[in-house]
PDB file of N, CA and C in Angstrom:
ATOM      1  N   UNK A   1     -13.355 -31.675  11.673  1.00  0.00           N
ATOM      2  CA  UNK A   1     -12.468 -31.844  10.548  1.00  0.00           C
ATOM      3  C   UNK A   1     -13.311 -32.094   9.289  1.00  0.00           C
ATOM      4  N   UNK A   2     -12.964 -31.415   8.222  1.00  0.00           N
ATOM      5  CA  UNK A   2     -13.649 -31.586   6.941  1.00  0.00           C
ATOM      6  C   UNK A   2     -12.848 -32.533   6.058  1.00  0.00           C
ATOM      7  N   UNK A   3     -13.558 -33.361   5.328  1.00  0.00           N
ATOM      8  CA  UNK A   3     -12.923 -34.282   4.380  1.00  0.00           C
ATOM      9  C   UNK A   3     -13.629 -34.169   3.040  1.00  0.00           C
ATOM     10  N   UNK A   4     -12.945 -34.574   2.006  1.00  0.00           N
ATOM     11  CA  UNK A   4     -13.507 -34.549   0.667  1.00  0.00           C
ATOM     12  C   UNK A   4     -13.907 -35.969   0.284  1.00  0.00           C
ATOM     13  N   UNK A   5     -15.149 -36.130  -0.157  1.00  0.00           N
ATOM     14  CA  UNK A   5     -15.615 -37.424  -0.627  1.00  0.00           C
ATOM     15  C   UNK A   5     -15.492 -37.453  -2.150  1.00  0.00           C
ATOM     16  N   UNK A   6     -14.485 -38.155  -2.632  1.00  0.00           N
ATOM     17  CA  UNK A   6     -14.223 -38.205  -4.072  1.00  0.00           C
ATOM     18  C   UNK A   6     -14.768 -39.479  -4.709  1.00  0.00           C
ATOM     19  N   UNK A   7     -15.593 -40.201  -3.988  1.00  0.00           N
ATOM     20  CA  UNK A   7     -16.104 -41.484  -4.477  1.00  0.00           C
ATOM     21  C   UNK A   7     -16.847 -41.340  -5.806  1.00  0.00           C
ATOM     22  N   UNK A   8     -17.747 -40.373  -5.905  1.00  0.00           N
ATOM     23  CA  UNK A   8     -18.520 -40.221  -7.144  1.00  0.00           C
ATOM     24  C   UNK A   8     -17.623 -39.825  -8.320  1.00  0.00           C
ATOM     25  N   UNK A   9     -16.600 -39.008  -8.049  1.00  0.00           N
ATOM     26  CA  UNK A   9     -15.659 -38.653  -9.119  1.00  0.00           C
ATOM     27  C   UNK A   9     -14.892 -39.875  -9.599  1.00  0.00           C
ATOM     28  N   UNK A  10     -14.447 -40.693  -8.655  1.00  0.00           N
ATOM     29  CA  UNK A  10     -13.698 -41.896  -9.017  1.00  0.00           C
ATOM     30  C   UNK A  10     -14.570 -42.875  -9.803  1.00  0.00           C
ATOM     31  N   UNK A  11     -15.821 -42.995  -9.419  1.00  0.00           N
ATOM     32  CA  UNK A  11     -16.742 -43.884 -10.145  1.00  0.00           C
ATOM     33  C   UNK A  11     -16.969 -43.365 -11.567  1.00  0.00           C
ATOM     34  N   UNK A  12     -17.134 -42.071 -11.717  1.00  0.00           N
ATOM     35  CA  UNK A  12     -17.364 -41.477 -13.036  1.00  0.00           C
ATOM     36  C   UNK A  12     -16.151 -41.641 -13.936  1.00  0.00           C
ATOM     37  N   UNK A  13     -14.982 -41.562 -13.347  1.00  0.00           N
ATOM     38  CA  UNK A  13     -13.731 -41.621 -14.102  1.00  0.00           C
ATOM     39  C   UNK A  13     -13.567 -42.945 -14.840  1.00  0.00           C
ATOM     40  N   UNK A  14     -14.101 -44.016 -14.297  1.00  0.00           N
ATOM     41  CA  UNK A  14     -13.932 -45.346 -14.893  1.00  0.00           C
ATOM     42  C   UNK A  14     -14.523 -45.439 -16.295  1.00  0.00           C
ATOM     43  N   UNK A  15     -15.543 -44.641 -16.587  1.00  0.00           N
ATOM     44  CA  UNK A  15     -16.260 -44.775 -17.848  1.00  0.00           C
ATOM     45  C   UNK A  15     -15.951 -43.657 -18.847  1.00  0.00           C
ATOM     46  N   UNK A  16     -15.001 -42.807 -18.515  1.00  0.00           N
ATOM     47  CA  UNK A  16     -14.724 -41.657 -19.383  1.00  0.00           C
ATOM     48  C   UNK A  16     -13.623 -41.957 -20.399  1.00  0.00           C
ATOM     49  N   UNK A  17     -13.677 -41.221 -21.492  1.00  0.00           N
ATOM     50  CA  UNK A  17     -12.650 -41.302 -22.518  1.00  0.00           C
ATOM     51  C   UNK A  17     -11.846 -40.009 -22.503  1.00  0.00           C
ATOM     52  N   UNK A  18     -10.859 -39.951 -23.365  1.00  0.00           N
ATOM     53  CA  UNK A  18     -10.023 -38.749 -23.455  1.00  0.00           C
ATOM     54  C   UNK A  18     -10.586 -37.805 -24.510  1.00  0.00           C
ATOM     55  N   UNK A  19     -11.724 -37.187 -24.176  1.00  0.00           N
ATOM     56  CA  UNK A  19     -12.378 -36.272 -25.106  1.00  0.00           C
ATOM     57  C   UNK A  19     -12.759 -34.978 -24.392  1.00  0.00           C
ATOM     58  N   UNK A  20     -13.090 -33.984 -25.174  1.00  0.00           N
ATOM     59  CA  UNK A  20     -13.549 -32.704 -24.639  1.00  0.00           C
ATOM     60  C   UNK A  20     -14.802 -32.907 -23.783  1.00  0.00           C
ATOM     61  N   UNK A  21     -15.705 -33.767 -24.236  1.00  0.00           N
ATOM     62  CA  UNK A  21     -16.938 -34.038 -23.504  1.00  0.00           C
ATOM     63  C   UNK A  21     -16.640 -34.619 -22.111  1.00  0.00           C
ATOM     64  N   UNK A  22     -15.677 -35.519 -22.018  1.00  0.00           N
ATOM     65  CA  UNK A  22     -15.321 -36.148 -20.743  1.00  0.00           C
ATOM     66  C   UNK A  22     -14.698 -35.144 -19.772  1.00  0.00           C
ATOM     67  N   UNK A  23     -13.832 -34.293 -20.290  1.00  0.00           N
ATOM     68  CA  UNK A  23     -13.184 -33.291 -19.442  1.00  0.00           C
ATOM     69  C   UNK A  23     -14.234 -32.349 -18.860  1.00  0.00           C
ATOM     70  N   UNK A  24     -15.137 -31.860 -19.699  1.00  0.00           N
ATOM     71  CA  UNK A  24     -16.181 -30.958 -19.224  1.00  0.00           C
ATOM     72  C   UNK A  24     -17.096 -31.668 -18.228  1.00  0.00           C
ATOM     73  N   UNK A  25     -17.409 -32.921 -18.486  1.00  0.00           N
ATOM     74  CA  UNK A  25     -18.269 -33.690 -17.588  1.00  0.00           C
ATOM     75  C   UNK A  25     -17.652 -33.801 -16.190  1.00  0.00           C
ATOM     76  N   UNK A  26     -16.369 -34.106 -16.130  1.00  0.00           N
ATOM     77  CA  UNK A  26     -15.699 -34.233 -14.830  1.00  0.00           C
ATOM     78  C   UNK A  26     -15.563 -32.879 -14.146  1.00  0.00           C
ATOM     79  N   UNK A  27     -15.230 -31.857 -14.891  1.00  0.00           N
ATOM     80  CA  UNK A  27     -15.079 -30.521 -14.309  1.00  0.00           C
ATOM     81  C   UNK A  27     -16.386 -30.061 -13.677  1.00  0.00           C
ATOM     82  N   UNK A  28     -17.498 -30.398 -14.298  1.00  0.00           N
ATOM     83  CA  UNK A  28     -18.807 -29.982 -13.791  1.00  0.00           C
ATOM     84  C   UNK A  28     -19.204 -30.727 -12.517  1.00  0.00           C
ATOM     85  N   UNK A  29     -18.590 -31.865 -12.259  1.00  0.00           N
ATOM     86  CA  UNK A  29     -18.952 -32.670 -11.084  1.00  0.00           C
ATOM     87  C   UNK A  29     -18.232 -32.230  -9.809  1.00  0.00           C
ATOM     88  N   UNK A  30     -17.225 -31.388  -9.933  1.00  0.00           N
ATOM     89  CA  UNK A  30     -16.481 -30.931  -8.750  1.00  0.00           C
ATOM     90  C   UNK A  30     -17.232 -29.762  -8.129  1.00  0.00           C
ATOM     91  N   UNK A  31     -17.730 -29.966  -6.922  1.00  0.00           N
ATOM     92  CA  UNK A  31     -18.479 -28.936  -6.202  1.00  0.00           C
ATOM     93  C   UNK A  31     -17.622 -28.461  -5.046  1.00  0.00           C
ATOM     94  N   UNK A  32     -17.186 -27.217  -5.090  1.00  0.00           N
ATOM     95  CA  UNK A  32     -16.278 -26.669  -4.084  1.00  0.00           C
ATOM     96  C   UNK A  32     -16.647 -25.223  -3.780  1.00  0.00           C
ATOM     97  N   UNK A  33     -17.775 -24.991  -3.096  1.00  0.00           N
ATOM     98  CA  UNK A  33     -18.236 -23.616  -2.876  1.00  0.00           C
ATOM     99  C   UNK A  33     -17.325 -22.783  -1.978  1.00  0.00           C
ATOM    100  N   UNK A  34     -16.566 -23.409  -1.094  1.00  0.00           N
ATOM    101  CA  UNK A  34     -15.704 -22.665  -0.179  1.00  0.00           C
ATOM    102  C   UNK A  34     -14.322 -22.419  -0.778  1.00  0.00           C
ATOM    103  N   UNK A  35     -13.904 -23.242  -1.721  1.00  0.00           N
ATOM    104  CA  UNK A  35     -12.628 -23.028  -2.388  1.00  0.00           C
ATOM    105  C   UNK A  35     -11.474 -23.841  -1.840  1.00  0.00           C
ATOM    106  N   UNK A  36     -11.752 -24.879  -1.057  1.00  0.00           N
ATOM    107  CA  UNK A  36     -10.678 -25.719  -0.531  1.00  0.00           C
ATOM    108  C   UNK A  36      -9.919 -26.442  -1.643  1.00  0.00           C
ATOM    109  N   UNK A  37     -10.603 -26.726  -2.729  1.00  0.00           N
ATOM    110  CA  UNK A  37     -10.004 -27.475  -3.835  1.00  0.00           C
ATOM    111  C   UNK A  37      -9.559 -26.587  -4.985  1.00  0.00           C
ATOM    112  N   UNK A  38      -9.442 -25.304  -4.738  1.00  0.00           N
ATOM    113  CA  UNK A  38      -9.133 -24.347  -5.808  1.00  0.00           C
ATOM    114  C   UNK A  38      -7.926 -24.718  -6.664  1.00  0.00           C
ATOM    115  N   UNK A  39      -6.802 -25.131  -6.089  1.00  0.00           N
ATOM    116  CA  UNK A  39      -5.673 -25.499  -6.955  1.00  0.00           C
ATOM    117  C   UNK A  39      -6.004 -26.670  -7.889  1.00  0.00           C
ATOM    118  N   UNK A  40      -6.784 -27.597  -7.391  1.00  0.00           N
ATOM    119  CA  UNK A  40      -7.195 -28.754  -8.183  1.00  0.00           C
ATOM    120  C   UNK A  40      -8.181 -28.342  -9.280  1.00  0.00           C
ATOM    121  N   UNK A  41      -9.156 -27.532  -8.931  1.00  0.00           N
ATOM    122  CA  UNK A  41     -10.186 -27.083  -9.869  1.00  0.00           C
ATOM    123  C   UNK A  41      -9.594 -26.137 -10.919  1.00  0.00           C
ATOM    124  N   UNK A  42      -8.665 -25.296 -10.529  1.00  0.00           N
ATOM    125  CA  UNK A  42      -8.059 -24.339 -11.469  1.00  0.00           C
ATOM    126  C   UNK A  42      -7.369 -25.059 -12.624  1.00  0.00           C
ATOM    127  N   UNK A  43      -6.760 -26.192 -12.340  1.00  0.00           N
ATOM    128  CA  UNK A  43      -6.059 -26.929 -13.394  1.00  0.00           C
ATOM    129  C   UNK A  43      -7.018 -27.513 -14.429  1.00  0.00           C
ATOM    130  N   UNK A  44      -8.156 -28.032 -13.994  1.00  0.00           N
ATOM    131  CA  UNK A  44      -9.102 -28.594 -14.962  1.00  0.00           C
ATOM    132  C   UNK A  44      -9.763 -27.474 -15.765  1.00  0.00           C
ATOM    133  N   UNK A  45      -9.987 -26.325 -15.142  1.00  0.00           N
ATOM    134  CA  UNK A  45     -10.548 -25.186 -15.875  1.00  0.00           C
ATOM    135  C   UNK A  45      -9.549 -24.659 -16.904  1.00  0.00           C
ATOM    136  N   UNK A  46      -8.283 -24.649 -16.540  1.00  0.00           N
ATOM    137  CA  UNK A  46      -7.236 -24.230 -17.465  1.00  0.00           C
ATOM    138  C   UNK A  46      -7.158 -25.201 -18.648  1.00  0.00           C
ATOM    139  N   UNK A  47      -7.290 -26.486 -18.362  1.00  0.00           N
ATOM    140  CA  UNK A  47      -7.290 -27.488 -19.426  1.00  0.00           C
ATOM    141  C   UNK A  47      -8.485 -27.281 -20.359  1.00  0.00           C
ATOM    142  N   UNK A  48      -9.635 -26.985 -19.797  1.00  0.00           N
ATOM    143  CA  UNK A  48     -10.815 -26.716 -20.622  1.00  0.00           C
ATOM    144  C   UNK A  48     -10.576 -25.514 -21.541  1.00  0.00           C
ATOM    145  N   UNK A  49      -9.933 -24.479 -21.032  1.00  0.00           N
ATOM    146  CA  UNK A  49      -9.639 -23.310 -21.865  1.00  0.00           C
ATOM    147  C   UNK A  49      -8.737 -23.697 -23.035  1.00  0.00           C
ATOM    148  N   UNK A  50      -7.714 -24.509 -22.769  1.00  0.00           N
ATOM    149  CA  UNK A  50      -6.818 -24.956 -23.842  1.00  0.00           C
ATOM    150  C   UNK A  50      -7.576 -25.747 -24.904  1.00  0.00           C
ATOM    151  N   UNK A  51      -8.477 -26.609 -24.454  1.00  0.00           N
ATOM    152  CA  UNK A  51      -9.261 -27.421 -25.385  1.00  0.00           C
ATOM    153  C   UNK A  51     -10.138 -26.528 -26.265  1.00  0.00           C
ATOM    154  N   UNK A  52     -10.791 -25.524 -25.647  1.00  0.00           N
ATOM    155  CA  UNK A  52     -11.650 -24.605 -26.414  1.00  0.00           C
ATOM    156  C   UNK A  52     -10.835 -23.777 -27.395  1.00  0.00           C
ATOM    157  N   UNK A  53      -9.656 -23.314 -26.953  1.00  0.00           N
ATOM    158  CA  UNK A  53      -8.812 -22.495 -27.829  1.00  0.00           C
ATOM    159  C   UNK A  53      -8.384 -23.254 -29.080  1.00  0.00           C
ATOM    160  N   UNK A  54      -8.205 -24.556 -28.956  1.00  0.00           N
ATOM    161  CA  UNK A  54      -7.779 -25.374 -30.103  1.00  0.00           C
ATOM    162  C   UNK A  54      -8.951 -25.776 -30.997  1.00  0.00           C
ATOM    163  N   UNK A  55     -10.164 -25.506 -30.553  1.00  0.00           N
ATOM    164  CA  UNK A  55     -11.328 -25.791 -31.377  1.00  0.00           C
ATOM    165  C   UNK A  55     -11.604 -27.277 -31.584  1.00  0.00           C
ATOM    166  N   UNK A  56     -11.294 -28.084 -30.586  1.00  0.00           N
ATOM    167  CA  UNK A  56     -11.496 -29.531 -30.719  1.00  0.00           C
ATOM    168  C   UNK A  56     -12.974 -29.885 -30.693  1.00  0.00           C
ATOM    169  N   UNK A  57     -13.334 -30.925 -31.432  1.00  0.00           N
ATOM    170  CA  UNK A  57     -14.705 -31.418 -31.435  1.00  0.00           C
ATOM    171  C   UNK A  57     -14.999 -32.120 -30.112  1.00  0.00           C
ATOM    172  N   UNK A  58     -16.295 -32.252 -29.794  1.00  0.00           N
ATOM    173  CA  UNK A  58     -16.717 -32.815 -28.517  1.00  0.00           C
ATOM    174  C   UNK A  58     -16.249 -34.253 -28.306  1.00  0.00           C
ATOM    175  N   UNK A  59     -16.249 -35.049 -29.350  1.00  0.00           N
ATOM    176  CA  UNK A  59     -15.949 -36.468 -29.174  1.00  0.00           C
ATOM    177  C   UNK A  59     -14.656 -36.927 -29.835  1.00  0.00           C
ATOM    178  N   UNK A  60     -13.839 -35.992 -30.282  1.00  0.00           N
ATOM    179  CA  UNK A  60     -12.546 -36.389 -30.851  1.00  0.00           C
ATOM    180  C   UNK A  60     -11.533 -36.555 -29.715  1.00  0.00           C
ATOM    181  N   UNK A  61     -10.570 -37.409 -29.935  1.00  0.00           N
ATOM    182  CA  UNK A  61      -9.544 -37.670 -28.922  1.00  0.00           C
ATOM    183  C   UNK A  61      -8.700 -36.411 -28.692  1.00  0.00           C
ATOM    184  N   UNK A  62      -8.249 -36.244 -27.451  1.00  0.00           N
ATOM    185  CA  UNK A  62      -7.391 -35.110 -27.114  1.00  0.00           C
ATOM    186  C   UNK A  62      -5.996 -35.336 -27.685  1.00  0.00           C
ATOM    187  N   UNK A  63      -5.314 -34.268 -28.104  1.00  0.00           N
ATOM    188  CA  UNK A  63      -3.914 -34.398 -28.515  1.00  0.00           C
ATOM    189  C   UNK A  63      -3.061 -34.890 -27.336  1.00  0.00           C
ATOM    190  N   UNK A  64      -1.899 -35.427 -27.625  1.00  0.00           N
ATOM    191  CA  UNK A  64      -1.045 -36.038 -26.600  1.00  0.00           C
ATOM    192  C   UNK A  64      -0.752 -35.124 -25.418  1.00  0.00           C
ATOM    193  N   UNK A  65      -0.403 -33.864 -25.690  1.00  0.00           N
ATOM    194  CA  UNK A  65      -0.047 -32.959 -24.598  1.00  0.00           C
ATOM    195  C   UNK A  65      -1.233 -32.705 -23.671  1.00  0.00           C
ATOM    196  N   UNK A  66      -2.426 -32.531 -24.243  1.00  0.00           N
ATOM    197  CA  UNK A  66      -3.615 -32.317 -23.415  1.00  0.00           C
ATOM    198  C   UNK A  66      -4.052 -33.612 -22.732  1.00  0.00           C
ATOM    199  N   UNK A  67      -3.878 -34.720 -23.412  1.00  0.00           N
ATOM    200  CA  UNK A  67      -4.239 -36.008 -22.822  1.00  0.00           C
ATOM    201  C   UNK A  67      -3.393 -36.301 -21.584  1.00  0.00           C
ATOM    202  N   UNK A  68      -2.107 -35.958 -21.622  1.00  0.00           N
ATOM    203  CA  UNK A  68      -1.254 -36.200 -20.447  1.00  0.00           C
ATOM    204  C   UNK A  68      -1.685 -35.329 -19.265  1.00  0.00           C
ATOM    205  N   UNK A  69      -2.079 -34.075 -19.518  1.00  0.00           N
ATOM    206  CA  UNK A  69      -2.590 -33.212 -18.442  1.00  0.00           C
ATOM    207  C   UNK A  69      -3.885 -33.779 -17.877  1.00  0.00           C
ATOM    208  N   UNK A  70      -4.756 -34.258 -18.747  1.00  0.00           N
ATOM    209  CA  UNK A  70      -6.038 -34.821 -18.348  1.00  0.00           C
ATOM    210  C   UNK A  70      -5.834 -36.062 -17.472  1.00  0.00           C
ATOM    211  N   UNK A  71      -4.948 -36.962 -17.916  1.00  0.00           N
ATOM    212  CA  UNK A  71      -4.701 -38.189 -17.151  1.00  0.00           C
ATOM    213  C   UNK A  71      -4.072 -37.881 -15.801  1.00  0.00           C
ATOM    214  N   UNK A  72      -3.162 -36.918 -15.759  1.00  0.00           N
ATOM    215  CA  UNK A  72      -2.529 -36.537 -14.491  1.00  0.00           C
ATOM    216  C   UNK A  72      -3.576 -36.006 -13.518  1.00  0.00           C
ATOM    217  N   UNK A  73      -4.479 -35.170 -14.006  1.00  0.00           N
ATOM    218  CA  UNK A  73      -5.540 -34.624 -13.152  1.00  0.00           C
ATOM    219  C   UNK A  73      -6.428 -35.741 -12.624  1.00  0.00           C
ATOM    220  N   UNK A  74      -6.776 -36.684 -13.481  1.00  0.00           N
ATOM    221  CA  UNK A  74      -7.645 -37.790 -13.077  1.00  0.00           C
ATOM    222  C   UNK A  74      -6.984 -38.680 -12.026  1.00  0.00           C
ATOM    223  N   UNK A  75      -5.699 -38.909 -12.136  1.00  0.00           N
ATOM    224  CA  UNK A  75      -4.975 -39.723 -11.150  1.00  0.00           C
ATOM    225  C   UNK A  75      -5.000 -39.034  -9.787  1.00  0.00           C
ATOM    226  N   UNK A  76      -4.936 -37.711  -9.778  1.00  0.00           N
ATOM    227  CA  UNK A  76      -4.906 -36.963  -8.520  1.00  0.00           C
ATOM    228  C   UNK A  76      -6.254 -36.932  -7.802  1.00  0.00           C
ATOM    229  N   UNK A  77      -7.318 -37.370  -8.460  1.00  0.00           N
ATOM    230  CA  UNK A  77      -8.625 -37.433  -7.802  1.00  0.00           C
ATOM    231  C   UNK A  77      -8.544 -38.330  -6.566  1.00  0.00           C
ATOM    232  N   UNK A  78      -7.758 -39.385  -6.642  1.00  0.00           N
ATOM    233  CA  UNK A  78      -7.617 -40.315  -5.524  1.00  0.00           C
ATOM    234  C   UNK A  78      -7.055 -39.622  -4.285  1.00  0.00           C
ATOM    235  N   UNK A  79      -6.199 -38.654  -4.475  1.00  0.00           N
ATOM    236  CA  UNK A  79      -5.576 -37.937  -3.360  1.00  0.00           C
ATOM    237  C   UNK A  79      -6.590 -37.062  -2.623  1.00  0.00           C
ATOM    238  N   UNK A  80      -7.636 -36.621  -3.317  1.00  0.00           N
ATOM    239  CA  UNK A  80      -8.642 -35.766  -2.683  1.00  0.00           C
ATOM    240  C   UNK A  80      -9.282 -36.454  -1.479  1.00  0.00           C
ATOM    241  N   UNK A  81      -9.451 -37.757  -1.550  1.00  0.00           N
ATOM    242  CA  UNK A  81     -10.041 -38.503  -0.444  1.00  0.00           C
ATOM    243  C   UNK A  81      -9.191 -38.493   0.810  1.00  0.00           C
ATOM    244  N   UNK A  82      -7.910 -38.233   0.677  1.00  0.00           N
ATOM    245  CA  UNK A  82      -6.991 -38.191   1.810  1.00  0.00           C
ATOM    246  C   UNK A  82      -6.906 -36.802   2.438  1.00  0.00           C
ATOM    247  N   UNK A  83      -7.476 -35.812   1.786  1.00  0.00           N
ATOM    248  CA  UNK A  83      -7.383 -34.439   2.263  1.00  0.00           C
ATOM    249  C   UNK A  83      -8.240 -34.216   3.499  1.00  0.00           C
ATOM    250  N   UNK A  84      -7.661 -33.569   4.521  1.00  0.00           N
ATOM    251  CA  UNK A  84      -8.373 -33.252   5.759  1.00  0.00           C
ATOM    252  C   UNK A  84      -8.133 -31.791   6.096  1.00  0.00           C
ATOM    253  N   UNK A  85      -9.193 -31.115   6.525  1.00  0.00           N
ATOM    254  CA  UNK A  85      -9.092 -29.696   6.854  1.00  0.00           C
ATOM    255  C   UNK A  85      -9.641 -29.491   8.254  1.00  0.00           C
ATOM    256  N   UNK A  86      -8.802 -29.000   9.137  1.00  0.00           N
ATOM    257  CA  UNK A  86      -9.225 -28.726  10.509  1.00  0.00           C
ATOM    258  C   UNK A  86     -10.206 -27.564  10.517  1.00  0.00           C
ATOM    259  N   UNK A  87     -11.227 -27.657  11.329  1.00  0.00           N
ATOM    260  CA  UNK A  87     -12.239 -26.595  11.386  1.00  0.00           C
ATOM    261  C   UNK A  87     -11.999 -25.596  12.511  1.00  0.00           C
ATOM    262  N   UNK A  88     -11.280 -25.986  13.520  1.00  0.00           N
ATOM    263  CA  UNK A  88     -11.103 -25.078  14.660  1.00  0.00           C
ATOM    264  C   UNK A  88      -9.946 -24.111  14.384  1.00  0.00           C
ATOM    265  N   UNK A  89     -10.092 -22.904  14.866  1.00  0.00           N
ATOM    266  CA  UNK A  89      -9.055 -21.904  14.652  1.00  0.00           C
ATOM    267  C   UNK A  89      -7.902 -22.065  15.631  1.00  0.00           C
ATOM    268  N   UNK A  90      -8.214 -22.327  16.860  1.00  0.00           N
ATOM    269  CA  UNK A  90      -7.187 -22.372  17.903  1.00  0.00           C
ATOM    270  C   UNK A  90      -7.272 -23.718  18.622  1.00  0.00           C
ATOM    271  N   UNK A  91      -6.651 -24.736  18.066  1.00  0.00           N
ATOM    272  CA  UNK A  91      -6.768 -26.086  18.616  1.00  0.00           C
ATOM    273  C   UNK A  91      -5.815 -26.330  19.788  1.00  0.00           C
ATOM    274  N   UNK A  92      -4.725 -25.585  19.885  1.00  0.00           N
ATOM    275  CA  UNK A  92      -3.745 -25.838  20.940  1.00  0.00           C
ATOM    276  C   UNK A  92      -3.509 -24.608  21.803  1.00  0.00           C
ATOM    277  N   UNK A  93      -4.561 -23.959  22.224  1.00  0.00           N
ATOM    278  CA  UNK A  93      -4.425 -22.756  23.054  1.00  0.00           C
ATOM    279  C   UNK A  93      -4.082 -23.171  24.479  1.00  0.00           C
ATOM    280  N   UNK A  94      -2.959 -22.657  24.956  1.00  0.00           N
ATOM    281  CA  UNK A  94      -2.538 -22.908  26.332  1.00  0.00           C
ATOM    282  C   UNK A  94      -2.284 -21.561  26.992  1.00  0.00           C
ATOM    283  N   UNK A  95      -2.981 -21.295  28.033  1.00  0.00           N
ATOM    284  CA  UNK A  95      -2.786 -20.026  28.738  1.00  0.00           C
ATOM    285  C   UNK A  95      -3.499 -18.876  28.062  1.00  0.00           C
ATOM    286  N   UNK A  96      -3.087 -17.677  28.465  1.00  0.00           N
ATOM    287  CA  UNK A  96      -3.728 -16.450  27.981  1.00  0.00           C
ATOM    288  C   UNK A  96      -3.144 -16.035  26.625  1.00  0.00           C
ATOM    289  N   UNK A  97      -4.004 -15.576  25.732  1.00  0.00           N
ATOM    290  CA  UNK A  97      -3.568 -15.067  24.434  1.00  0.00           C
ATOM    291  C   UNK A  97      -3.571 -13.550  24.506  1.00  0.00           C
ATOM    292  N   UNK A  98      -2.417 -12.938  24.232  1.00  0.00           N
ATOM    293  CA  UNK A  98      -2.315 -11.484  24.269  1.00  0.00           C
ATOM    294  C   UNK A  98      -2.826 -10.823  22.992  1.00  0.00           C
ATOM    295  N   UNK A  99      -2.575 -11.463  21.850  1.00  0.00           N
ATOM    296  CA  UNK A  99      -3.019 -10.862  20.590  1.00  0.00           C
ATOM    297  C   UNK A  99      -3.183 -11.947  19.524  1.00  0.00           C
ATOM    298  N   UNK A 100      -3.985 -11.610  18.551  1.00  0.00           N
ATOM    299  CA  UNK A 100      -4.185 -12.480  17.396  1.00  0.00           C
ATOM    300  C   UNK A 100      -3.971 -11.636  16.157  1.00  0.00           C
ATOM    301  N   UNK A 101      -3.189 -12.164  15.229  1.00  0.00           N
ATOM    302  CA  UNK A 101      -2.935 -11.454  13.976  1.00  0.00           C
ATOM    303  C   UNK A 101      -3.557 -12.238  12.826  1.00  0.00           C
ATOM    304  N   UNK A 102      -4.015 -11.514  11.827  1.00  0.00           N
ATOM    305  CA  UNK A 102      -4.525 -12.130  10.622  1.00  0.00           C
ATOM    306  C   UNK A 102      -3.549 -11.799   9.493  1.00  0.00           C
ATOM    307  N   UNK A 103      -3.049 -12.848   8.833  1.00  0.00           N
ATOM    308  CA  UNK A 103      -2.118 -12.671   7.715  1.00  0.00           C
ATOM    309  C   UNK A 103      -2.802 -13.155   6.443  1.00  0.00           C
ATOM    310  N   UNK A 104      -2.793 -12.300   5.434  1.00  0.00           N
ATOM    311  CA  UNK A 104      -3.431 -12.629   4.163  1.00  0.00           C
ATOM    312  C   UNK A 104      -2.380 -12.576   3.063  1.00  0.00           C
ATOM    313  N   UNK A 105      -2.331 -13.636   2.271  1.00  0.00           N
ATOM    314  CA  UNK A 105      -1.401 -13.722   1.156  1.00  0.00           C
ATOM    315  C   UNK A 105      -2.207 -13.941  -0.119  1.00  0.00           C
ATOM    316  N   UNK A 106      -1.760 -13.337  -1.200  1.00  0.00           N
ATOM    317  CA  UNK A 106      -2.434 -13.536  -2.477  1.00  0.00           C
ATOM    318  C   UNK A 106      -1.410 -13.586  -3.593  1.00  0.00           C
ATOM    319  N   UNK A 107      -1.820 -14.150  -4.690  1.00  0.00           N
ATOM    320  CA  UNK A 107      -0.939 -14.237  -5.841  1.00  0.00           C
ATOM    321  C   UNK A 107      -1.762 -14.449  -7.095  1.00  0.00           C
ATOM    322  N   UNK A 108      -1.138 -14.186  -8.224  1.00  0.00           N
ATOM    323  CA  UNK A 108      -1.842 -14.343  -9.487  1.00  0.00           C
ATOM    324  C   UNK A 108      -0.867 -14.713 -10.589  1.00  0.00           C
ATOM    325  N   UNK A 109      -1.411 -15.361 -11.602  1.00  0.00           N
ATOM    326  CA  UNK A 109      -0.647 -15.663 -12.804  1.00  0.00           C
ATOM    327  C   UNK A 109      -1.555 -15.373 -13.997  1.00  0.00           C
ATOM    328  N   UNK A 110      -1.137 -15.750 -15.159  1.00  0.00           N
ATOM    329  CA  UNK A 110      -1.953 -15.522 -16.343  1.00  0.00           C
ATOM    330  C   UNK A 110      -3.214 -16.381 -16.314  1.00  0.00           C
ATOM    331  N   UNK A 111      -3.131 -17.565 -15.696  1.00  0.00           N
ATOM    332  CA  UNK A 111      -4.268 -18.489 -15.739  1.00  0.00           C
ATOM    333  C   UNK A 111      -5.114 -18.536 -14.475  1.00  0.00           C
ATOM    334  N   UNK A 112      -4.612 -18.044 -13.351  1.00  0.00           N
ATOM    335  CA  UNK A 112      -5.389 -18.168 -12.111  1.00  0.00           C
ATOM    336  C   UNK A 112      -4.914 -17.150 -11.080  1.00  0.00           C
ATOM    337  N   UNK A 113      -5.729 -16.994 -10.031  1.00  0.00           N
ATOM    338  CA  UNK A 113      -5.341 -16.170  -8.893  1.00  0.00           C
ATOM    339  C   UNK A 113      -5.840 -16.879  -7.628  1.00  0.00           C
ATOM    340  N   UNK A 114      -5.264 -16.514  -6.509  1.00  0.00           N
ATOM    341  CA  UNK A 114      -5.692 -17.143  -5.256  1.00  0.00           C
ATOM    342  C   UNK A 114      -5.295 -16.309  -4.057  1.00  0.00           C
ATOM    343  N   UNK A 115      -5.896 -16.646  -2.923  1.00  0.00           N
ATOM    344  CA  UNK A 115      -5.586 -15.970  -1.676  1.00  0.00           C
ATOM    345  C   UNK A 115      -5.791 -16.950  -0.529  1.00  0.00           C
ATOM    346  N   UNK A 116      -5.091 -16.714   0.554  1.00  0.00           N
ATOM    347  CA  UNK A 116      -5.232 -17.544   1.744  1.00  0.00           C
ATOM    348  C   UNK A 116      -5.069 -16.650   2.964  1.00  0.00           C
ATOM    349  N   UNK A 117      -5.753 -16.998   4.037  1.00  0.00           N
ATOM    350  CA  UNK A 117      -5.694 -16.220   5.258  1.00  0.00           C
ATOM    351  C   UNK A 117      -5.306 -17.124   6.418  1.00  0.00           C
ATOM    352  N   UNK A 118      -4.394 -16.643   7.263  1.00  0.00           N
ATOM    353  CA  UNK A 118      -3.947 -17.389   8.439  1.00  0.00           C
ATOM    354  C   UNK A 118      -4.112 -16.568   9.699  1.00  0.00           C
ATOM    355  N   UNK A 119      -4.422 -17.232  10.789  1.00  0.00           N
ATOM    356  CA  UNK A 119      -4.345 -16.599  12.107  1.00  0.00           C
ATOM    357  C   UNK A 119      -2.955 -16.866  12.660  1.00  0.00           C
ATOM    358  N   UNK A 120      -2.411 -15.897  13.383  1.00  0.00           N
ATOM    359  CA  UNK A 120      -1.134 -16.091  14.075  1.00  0.00           C
ATOM    360  C   UNK A 120      -1.306 -15.594  15.484  1.00  0.00           C
TER     361      UNK A 120
END
C-alpha cells in the first residue's frame, strides 16, 4: 500500500503568507511523478495561472477570490496524509479467472485533462 507523506508540506504551510511567492513555493514542493495527486496538483497549477494572468507582484497579497482558493487548497494538504493506494492488482482472486479486461477513461476541460485505467 502506498501512502502520501504530507509532513513537509504541512510544516512549510505554517510560515507562508497569501502571496504569489508562497503559492509558487508550495506548488514546487509537491512531488508526484506517477500522478496519484493529479487532481490536487492541477488545482494549484490552475491557481498559479490565474495569479500570472492578473500580473500580481511576488510579495503583494492575493485578492480575496484567489486567497480563498489558496486557503482551501492548503487546508486539503492534511487530507493527503490519509490517502492510501493499494499496489496489488488482484487482491481478492478466488478460483480461476477466465478473462481480464482493461478499461480506460479520460476527460478534459479548459484547465486540465486526466485519464485512469482499471482492471475488470
